[in-house]
């Protein structure tokens, strides 16, 4: 069964960040994408058993945490930038 889920990366004001690098790591594999102009990136994963998958999320190389993703889920992560960036 395939599941599709989306991740949105926003700034401190809640605005989507375009071009953020998002990597998702599953138990045995990983996937990668870049956010669109609204801050969204979509992933599709074949799930062998059950109806979801444990995912570790990385934004611009920094671990943001683990989520349990099921079909149609959306997740949002806030990316803060230093003034020097």
PDB file of N, CA and C in Angstrom:
ATOM      1  N   UNK A   1       0.847  -1.182   0.000  1.00  0.00           N
ATOM      2  CA  UNK A   1       0.000   0.000   0.000  1.00  0.00           C
ATOM      3  C   UNK A   1       0.889   1.240   0.000  1.00  0.00           C
ATOM      4  N   UNK A   2       0.572   2.192  -0.838  1.00  0.00           N
ATOM      5  CA  UNK A   2       1.295   3.457  -0.859  1.00  0.00           C
ATOM      6  C   UNK A   2       0.589   4.469   0.039  1.00  0.00           C
ATOM      7  N   UNK A   3       1.395   5.242   0.766  1.00  0.00           N
ATOM      8  CA  UNK A   3       0.858   6.378   1.512  1.00  0.00           C
ATOM      9  C   UNK A   3       1.521   7.635   0.979  1.00  0.00           C
ATOM     10  N   UNK A   4       0.798   8.726   1.027  1.00  0.00           N
ATOM     11  CA  UNK A   4       1.310  10.039   0.651  1.00  0.00           C
ATOM     12  C   UNK A   4       1.166  10.957   1.846  1.00  0.00           C
ATOM     13  N   UNK A   5       2.213  11.703   2.131  1.00  0.00           N
ATOM     14  CA  UNK A   5       2.149  12.680   3.210  1.00  0.00           C
ATOM     15  C   UNK A   5       2.938  13.914   2.799  1.00  0.00           C
ATOM     16  N   UNK A   6       2.640  15.032   3.435  1.00  0.00           N
ATOM     17  CA  UNK A   6       3.248  16.313   3.085  1.00  0.00           C
ATOM     18  C   UNK A   6       3.886  16.954   4.296  1.00  0.00           C
ATOM     19  N   UNK A   7       4.952  17.673   4.036  1.00  0.00           N
ATOM     20  CA  UNK A   7       5.649  18.432   5.067  1.00  0.00           C
ATOM     21  C   UNK A   7       5.725  19.875   4.610  1.00  0.00           C
ATOM     22  N   UNK A   8       5.438  20.789   5.519  1.00  0.00           N
ATOM     23  CA  UNK A   8       5.557  22.216   5.227  1.00  0.00           C
ATOM     24  C   UNK A   8       6.605  22.810   6.150  1.00  0.00           C
ATOM     25  N   UNK A   9       7.477  23.623   5.574  1.00  0.00           N
ATOM     26  CA  UNK A   9       8.493  24.336   6.344  1.00  0.00           C
ATOM     27  C   UNK A   9       8.123  25.811   6.311  1.00  0.00           C
ATOM     28  N   UNK A  10       7.996  26.394   7.515  1.00  0.00           N
ATOM     29  CA  UNK A  10       7.598  27.794   7.631  1.00  0.00           C
ATOM     30  C   UNK A  10       8.635  28.574   8.433  1.00  0.00           C
ATOM     31  N   UNK A  11       8.602  29.900   8.262  1.00  0.00           N
ATOM     32  CA  UNK A  11       9.471  30.755   9.058  1.00  0.00           C
ATOM     33  C   UNK A  11       8.766  31.110  10.362  1.00  0.00           C
ATOM     34  N   UNK A  12       9.387  31.941  11.161  1.00  0.00           N
ATOM     35  CA  UNK A  12       8.830  32.289  12.476  1.00  0.00           C
ATOM     36  C   UNK A  12       7.494  33.020  12.395  1.00  0.00           C
ATOM     37  N   UNK A  13       7.186  33.598  11.209  1.00  0.00           N
ATOM     38  CA  UNK A  13       5.915  34.292  11.012  1.00  0.00           C
ATOM     39  C   UNK A  13       4.848  33.380  10.408  1.00  0.00           C
ATOM     40  N   UNK A  14       5.183  32.099  10.203  1.00  0.00           N
ATOM     41  CA  UNK A  14       4.234  31.158   9.641  1.00  0.00           C
ATOM     42  C   UNK A  14       4.159  31.161   8.130  1.00  0.00           C
ATOM     43  N   UNK A  15       5.081  31.872   7.487  1.00  0.00           N
ATOM     44  CA  UNK A  15       5.115  31.922   6.024  1.00  0.00           C
ATOM     45  C   UNK A  15       5.938  30.754   5.490  1.00  0.00           C
ATOM     46  N   UNK A  16       5.470  30.129   4.402  1.00  0.00           N
ATOM     47  CA  UNK A  16       6.184  29.015   3.803  1.00  0.00           C
ATOM     48  C   UNK A  16       7.550  29.422   3.283  1.00  0.00           C
ATOM     49  N   UNK A  17       8.525  28.540   3.453  1.00  0.00           N
ATOM     50  CA  UNK A  17       9.887  28.781   2.988  1.00  0.00           C
ATOM     51  C   UNK A  17      10.119  27.963   1.721  1.00  0.00           C
ATOM     52  N   UNK A  18      10.410  28.632   0.644  1.00  0.00           N
ATOM     53  CA  UNK A  18      10.674  27.990  -0.637  1.00  0.00           C
ATOM     54  C   UNK A  18      12.118  27.490  -0.694  1.00  0.00           C
ATOM     55  N   UNK A  19      12.318  26.308  -1.280  1.00  0.00           N
ATOM     56  CA  UNK A  19      13.662  25.784  -1.516  1.00  0.00           C
ATOM     57  C   UNK A  19      14.346  25.147  -0.324  1.00  0.00           C
ATOM     58  N   UNK A  20      13.629  24.917   0.772  1.00  0.00           N
ATOM     59  CA  UNK A  20      14.233  24.241   1.920  1.00  0.00           C
ATOM     60  C   UNK A  20      14.458  22.768   1.571  1.00  0.00           C
ATOM     61  N   UNK A  21      15.590  22.232   1.981  1.00  0.00           N
ATOM     62  CA  UNK A  21      15.922  20.829   1.753  1.00  0.00           C
ATOM     63  C   UNK A  21      15.276  19.989   2.860  1.00  0.00           C
ATOM     64  N   UNK A  22      14.453  19.017   2.468  1.00  0.00           N
ATOM     65  CA  UNK A  22      13.777  18.164   3.435  1.00  0.00           C
ATOM     66  C   UNK A  22      14.140  16.712   3.134  1.00  0.00           C
ATOM     67  N   UNK A  23      14.710  16.033   4.122  1.00  0.00           N
ATOM     68  CA  UNK A  23      15.024  14.613   4.008  1.00  0.00           C
ATOM     69  C   UNK A  23      14.173  13.858   5.014  1.00  0.00           C
ATOM     70  N   UNK A  24      13.672  12.708   4.595  1.00  0.00           N
ATOM     71  CA  UNK A  24      12.907  11.848   5.488  1.00  0.00           C
ATOM     72  C   UNK A  24      13.592  10.490   5.520  1.00  0.00           C
ATOM     73  N   UNK A  25      13.842   9.998   6.733  1.00  0.00           N
ATOM     74  CA  UNK A  25      14.515   8.717   6.916  1.00  0.00           C
ATOM     75  C   UNK A  25      13.536   7.735   7.539  1.00  0.00           C
ATOM     76  N   UNK A  26      13.390   6.598   6.860  1.00  0.00           N
ATOM     77  CA  UNK A  26      12.577   5.497   7.350  1.00  0.00           C
ATOM     78  C   UNK A  26      13.546   4.478   7.960  1.00  0.00           C
ATOM     79  N   UNK A  27      13.030   3.350   8.408  1.00  0.00           N
ATOM     80  CA  UNK A  27      13.902   2.339   9.003  1.00  0.00           C
ATOM     81  C   UNK A  27      14.984   1.851   8.043  1.00  0.00           C
ATOM     82  N   UNK A  28      14.647   1.624   6.770  1.00  0.00           N
ATOM     83  CA  UNK A  28      15.600   0.993   5.858  1.00  0.00           C
ATOM     84  C   UNK A  28      15.991   1.853   4.673  1.00  0.00           C
ATOM     85  N   UNK A  29      15.398   3.004   4.516  1.00  0.00           N
ATOM     86  CA  UNK A  29      15.670   3.830   3.342  1.00  0.00           C
ATOM     87  C   UNK A  29      15.405   5.291   3.676  1.00  0.00           C
ATOM     88  N   UNK A  30      15.573   6.149   2.692  1.00  0.00           N
ATOM     89  CA  UNK A  30      15.310   7.569   2.901  1.00  0.00           C
ATOM     90  C   UNK A  30      14.831   8.194   1.593  1.00  0.00           C
ATOM     91  N   UNK A  31      14.340   9.423   1.690  1.00  0.00           N
ATOM     92  CA  UNK A  31      13.885  10.180   0.531  1.00  0.00           C
ATOM     93  C   UNK A  31      14.244  11.636   0.779  1.00  0.00           C
ATOM     94  N   UNK A  32      14.210  12.431  -0.262  1.00  0.00           N
ATOM     95  CA  UNK A  32      14.647  13.817  -0.170  1.00  0.00           C
ATOM     96  C   UNK A  32      13.856  14.660  -1.167  1.00  0.00           C
ATOM     97  N   UNK A  33      13.598  15.903  -0.794  1.00  0.00           N
ATOM     98  CA  UNK A  33      12.934  16.832  -1.696  1.00  0.00           C
ATOM     99  C   UNK A  33      13.168  18.260  -1.254  1.00  0.00           C
ATOM    100  N   UNK A  34      12.687  19.200  -2.071  1.00  0.00           N
ATOM    101  CA  UNK A  34      12.791  20.628  -1.772  1.00  0.00           C
ATOM    102  C   UNK A  34      11.392  21.231  -1.736  1.00  0.00           C
ATOM    103  N   UNK A  35      11.179  22.156  -0.813  1.00  0.00           N
ATOM    104  CA  UNK A  35       9.874  22.777  -0.684  1.00  0.00           C
ATOM    105  C   UNK A  35       9.574  23.669  -1.886  1.00  0.00           C
ATOM    106  N   UNK A  36       8.279  23.735  -2.222  1.00  0.00           N
ATOM    107  CA  UNK A  36       7.832  24.601  -3.308  1.00  0.00           C
ATOM    108  C   UNK A  36       7.662  26.030  -2.796  1.00  0.00           C
ATOM    109  N   UNK A  37       7.074  26.894  -3.620  1.00  0.00           N
ATOM    110  CA  UNK A  37       6.943  28.310  -3.251  1.00  0.00           C
ATOM    111  C   UNK A  37       6.059  28.527  -2.024  1.00  0.00           C
ATOM    112  N   UNK A  38       5.203  27.572  -1.689  1.00  0.00           N
ATOM    113  CA  UNK A  38       4.372  27.673  -0.488  1.00  0.00           C
ATOM    114  C   UNK A  38       4.977  27.010   0.733  1.00  0.00           C
ATOM    115  N   UNK A  39       6.169  26.411   0.561  1.00  0.00           N
ATOM    116  CA  UNK A  39       6.835  25.749   1.671  1.00  0.00           C
ATOM    117  C   UNK A  39       6.528  24.264   1.784  1.00  0.00           C
ATOM    118  N   UNK A  40       5.819  23.687   0.809  1.00  0.00           N
ATOM    119  CA  UNK A  40       5.382  22.292   0.873  1.00  0.00           C
ATOM    120  C   UNK A  40       6.275  21.356   0.067  1.00  0.00           C
ATOM    121  N   UNK A  41       6.436  20.136   0.557  1.00  0.00           N
ATOM    122  CA  UNK A  41       7.050  19.041  -0.190  1.00  0.00           C
ATOM    123  C   UNK A  41       6.247  17.782   0.127  1.00  0.00           C
ATOM    124  N   UNK A  42       6.025  16.958  -0.903  1.00  0.00           N
ATOM    125  CA  UNK A  42       5.226  15.747  -0.737  1.00  0.00           C
ATOM    126  C   UNK A  42       6.103  14.513  -0.882  1.00  0.00           C
ATOM    127  N   UNK A  43       5.745  13.479  -0.129  1.00  0.00           N
ATOM    128  CA  UNK A  43       6.462  12.211  -0.188  1.00  0.00           C
ATOM    129  C   UNK A  43       5.466  11.078  -0.370  1.00  0.00           C
ATOM    130  N   UNK A  44       5.914  10.028  -1.060  1.00  0.00           N
ATOM    131  CA  UNK A  44       5.134   8.813  -1.235  1.00  0.00           C
ATOM    132  C   UNK A  44       5.984   7.650  -0.760  1.00  0.00           C
ATOM    133  N   UNK A  45       5.381   6.768   0.012  1.00  0.00           N
ATOM    134  CA  UNK A  45       6.120   5.642   0.580  1.00  0.00           C
ATOM    135  C   UNK A  45       5.268   4.382   0.478  1.00  0.00           C
ATOM    136  N   UNK A  46       5.889   3.308  -0.001  1.00  0.00           N
ATOM    137  CA  UNK A  46       5.226   2.010  -0.023  1.00  0.00           C
ATOM    138  C   UNK A  46       5.342   1.403   1.369  1.00  0.00           C
ATOM    139  N   UNK A  47       4.211   1.096   1.981  1.00  0.00           N
ATOM    140  CA  UNK A  47       4.171   0.536   3.326  1.00  0.00           C
ATOM    141  C   UNK A  47       3.798  -0.937   3.212  1.00  0.00           C
ATOM    142  N   UNK A  48       4.693  -1.787   3.683  1.00  0.00           N
ATOM    143  CA  UNK A  48       4.476  -3.229   3.573  1.00  0.00           C
ATOM    144  C   UNK A  48       3.444  -3.748   4.576  1.00  0.00           C
ATOM    145  N   UNK A  49       3.514  -3.243   5.803  1.00  0.00           N
ATOM    146  CA  UNK A  49       2.610  -3.716   6.859  1.00  0.00           C
ATOM    147  C   UNK A  49       2.013  -2.507   7.575  1.00  0.00           C
ATOM    148  N   UNK A  50       0.770  -2.607   7.945  1.00  0.00           N
ATOM    149  CA  UNK A  50       0.124  -1.520   8.663  1.00  0.00           C
ATOM    150  C   UNK A  50      -0.318  -0.412   7.730  1.00  0.00           C
ATOM    151  N   UNK A  51      -0.667   0.726   8.319  1.00  0.00           N
ATOM    152  CA  UNK A  51      -1.174   1.838   7.518  1.00  0.00           C
ATOM    153  C   UNK A  51      -0.351   3.106   7.675  1.00  0.00           C
ATOM    154  N   UNK A  52       0.869   2.982   8.195  1.00  0.00           N
ATOM    155  CA  UNK A  52       1.719   4.155   8.361  1.00  0.00           C
ATOM    156  C   UNK A  52       3.161   3.753   8.536  1.00  0.00           C
ATOM    157  N   UNK A  53       3.994   4.773   8.761  1.00  0.00           N
ATOM    158  CA  UNK A  53       5.428   4.541   8.869  1.00  0.00           C
ATOM    159  C   UNK A  53       6.048   5.582   9.797  1.00  0.00           C
ATOM    160  N   UNK A  54       7.062   5.169  10.535  1.00  0.00           N
ATOM    161  CA  UNK A  54       7.824   6.085  11.384  1.00  0.00           C
ATOM    162  C   UNK A  54       8.843   6.815  10.510  1.00  0.00           C
ATOM    163  N   UNK A  55       8.891   8.130  10.647  1.00  0.00           N
ATOM    164  CA  UNK A  55       9.726   8.960   9.796  1.00  0.00           C
ATOM    165  C   UNK A  55      10.536   9.923  10.662  1.00  0.00           C
ATOM    166  N   UNK A  56      11.848   9.981  10.444  1.00  0.00           N
ATOM    167  CA  UNK A  56      12.678  11.022  11.047  1.00  0.00           C
ATOM    168  C   UNK A  56      12.841  12.113  10.006  1.00  0.00           C
ATOM    169  N   UNK A  57      12.534  13.354  10.380  1.00  0.00           N
ATOM    170  CA  UNK A  57      12.525  14.475   9.445  1.00  0.00           C
ATOM    171  C   UNK A  57      13.742  15.367   9.676  1.00  0.00           C
ATOM    172  N   UNK A  58      14.391  15.737   8.580  1.00  0.00           N
ATOM    173  CA  UNK A  58      15.520  16.660   8.604  1.00  0.00           C
ATOM    174  C   UNK A  58      15.200  17.842   7.695  1.00  0.00           C
ATOM    175  N   UNK A  59      15.437  19.055   8.188  1.00  0.00           N
ATOM    176  CA  UNK A  59      15.261  20.257   7.381  1.00  0.00           C
ATOM    177  C   UNK A  59      16.610  20.951   7.296  1.00  0.00           C
ATOM    178  N   UNK A  60      17.077  21.155   6.075  1.00  0.00           N
ATOM    179  CA  UNK A  60      18.395  21.754   5.835  1.00  0.00           C
ATOM    180  C   UNK A  60      19.483  21.080   6.667  1.00  0.00           C
ATOM    181  N   UNK A  61      19.393  19.737   6.741  1.00  0.00           N
ATOM    182  CA  UNK A  61      20.414  18.945   7.423  1.00  0.00           C
ATOM    183  C   UNK A  61      20.276  18.829   8.925  1.00  0.00           C
ATOM    184  N   UNK A  62      19.306  19.500   9.519  1.00  0.00           N
ATOM    185  CA  UNK A  62      19.113  19.447  10.965  1.00  0.00           C
ATOM    186  C   UNK A  62      17.908  18.577  11.314  1.00  0.00           C
ATOM    187  N   UNK A  63      18.104  17.629  12.246  1.00  0.00           N
ATOM    188  CA  UNK A  63      17.008  16.752  12.638  1.00  0.00           C
ATOM    189  C   UNK A  63      15.930  17.549  13.358  1.00  0.00           C
ATOM    190  N   UNK A  64      14.689  17.358  12.888  1.00  0.00           N
ATOM    191  CA  UNK A  64      13.544  18.045  13.484  1.00  0.00           C
ATOM    192  C   UNK A  64      12.729  17.132  14.383  1.00  0.00           C
ATOM    193  N   UNK A  65      12.944  15.823  14.276  1.00  0.00           N
ATOM    194  CA  UNK A  65      12.223  14.889  15.126  1.00  0.00           C
ATOM    195  C   UNK A  65      11.581  13.773  14.335  1.00  0.00           C
ATOM    196  N   UNK A  66      10.868  12.906  15.073  1.00  0.00           N
ATOM    197  CA  UNK A  66      10.176  11.762  14.468  1.00  0.00           C
ATOM    198  C   UNK A  66       8.680  12.027  14.435  1.00  0.00           C
ATOM    199  N   UNK A  67       8.053  11.509  13.375  1.00  0.00           N
ATOM    200  CA  UNK A  67       6.598  11.566  13.251  1.00  0.00           C
ATOM    201  C   UNK A  67       6.108  10.205  12.780  1.00  0.00           C
ATOM    202  N   UNK A  68       4.852   9.932  13.019  1.00  0.00           N
ATOM    203  CA  UNK A  68       4.203   8.751  12.465  1.00  0.00           C
ATOM    204  C   UNK A  68       3.338   9.241  11.317  1.00  0.00           C
ATOM    205  N   UNK A  69       3.656   8.814  10.090  1.00  0.00           N
ATOM    206  CA  UNK A  69       2.963   9.299   8.905  1.00  0.00           C
ATOM    207  C   UNK A  69       1.990   8.250   8.384  1.00  0.00           C
ATOM    208  N   UNK A  70       0.751   8.669   8.173  1.00  0.00           N
ATOM    209  CA  UNK A  70      -0.264   7.855   7.533  1.00  0.00           C
ATOM    210  C   UNK A  70      -0.728   8.591   6.284  1.00  0.00           C
ATOM    211  N   UNK A  71      -1.455   7.901   5.424  1.00  0.00           N
ATOM    212  CA  UNK A  71      -1.884   8.492   4.169  1.00  0.00           C
ATOM    213  C   UNK A  71      -2.678   9.777   4.392  1.00  0.00           C
ATOM    214  N   UNK A  72      -2.256  10.836   3.699  1.00  0.00           N
ATOM    215  CA  UNK A  72      -2.945  12.123   3.776  1.00  0.00           C
ATOM    216  C   UNK A  72      -2.477  13.040   4.885  1.00  0.00           C
ATOM    217  N   UNK A  73      -1.574  12.588   5.743  1.00  0.00           N
ATOM    218  CA  UNK A  73      -1.098  13.423   6.849  1.00  0.00           C
ATOM    219  C   UNK A  73      -0.285  14.611   6.339  1.00  0.00           C
ATOM    220  N   UNK A  74      -0.340  15.688   7.112  1.00  0.00           N
ATOM    221  CA  UNK A  74       0.504  16.854   6.868  1.00  0.00           C
ATOM    222  C   UNK A  74       1.217  17.216   8.163  1.00  0.00           C
ATOM    223  N   UNK A  75       2.455  17.679   8.024  1.00  0.00           N
ATOM    224  CA  UNK A  75       3.264  18.072   9.169  1.00  0.00           C
ATOM    225  C   UNK A  75       3.884  19.426   8.861  1.00  0.00           C
ATOM    226  N   UNK A  76       4.109  20.221   9.889  1.00  0.00           N
ATOM    227  CA  UNK A  76       4.715  21.536   9.715  1.00  0.00           C
ATOM    228  C   UNK A  76       5.876  21.690  10.679  1.00  0.00           C
ATOM    229  N   UNK A  77       6.961  22.247  10.178  1.00  0.00           N
ATOM    230  CA  UNK A  77       8.147  22.512  10.982  1.00  0.00           C
ATOM    231  C   UNK A  77       8.560  23.961  10.770  1.00  0.00           C
ATOM    232  N   UNK A  78       8.927  24.628  11.854  1.00  0.00           N
ATOM    233  CA  UNK A  78       9.364  26.016  11.788  1.00  0.00           C
ATOM    234  C   UNK A  78      10.876  26.060  11.704  1.00  0.00           C
ATOM    235  N   UNK A  79      11.364  26.733  10.676  1.00  0.00           N
ATOM    236  CA  UNK A  79      12.804  26.899  10.476  1.00  0.00           C
ATOM    237  C   UNK A  79      13.175  28.315  10.906  1.00  0.00           C
ATOM    238  N   UNK A  80      14.088  28.413  11.864  1.00  0.00           N
ATOM    239  CA  UNK A  80      14.560  29.732  12.300  1.00  0.00           C
ATOM    240  C   UNK A  80      15.931  29.966  11.703  1.00  0.00           C
ATOM    241  N   UNK A  81      16.150  31.155  11.269  1.00  0.00           N
ATOM    242  CA  UNK A  81      17.420  31.540  10.664  1.00  0.00           C
ATOM    243  C   UNK A  81      18.101  32.578  11.540  1.00  0.00           C
ATOM    244  N   UNK A  82      19.414  32.429  11.685  1.00  0.00           N
ATOM    245  CA  UNK A  82      20.180  33.445  12.382  1.00  0.00           C
ATOM    246  C   UNK A  82      20.234  34.693  11.503  1.00  0.00           C
ATOM    247  N   UNK A  83      20.466  35.841  12.107  1.00  0.00           N
ATOM    248  CA  UNK A  83      20.564  37.082  11.342  1.00  0.00           C
ATOM    249  C   UNK A  83      21.706  37.028  10.334  1.00  0.00           C
ATOM    250  N   UNK A  84      22.708  36.185  10.584  1.00  0.00           N
ATOM    251  CA  UNK A  84      23.865  36.080   9.682  1.00  0.00           C
ATOM    252  C   UNK A  84      23.555  35.271   8.437  1.00  0.00           C
ATOM    253  N   UNK A  85      22.446  34.516   8.410  1.00  0.00           N
ATOM    254  CA  UNK A  85      22.137  33.660   7.259  1.00  0.00           C
ATOM    255  C   UNK A  85      21.451  34.438   6.178  1.00  0.00           C
TER     256      UNK A  85
END
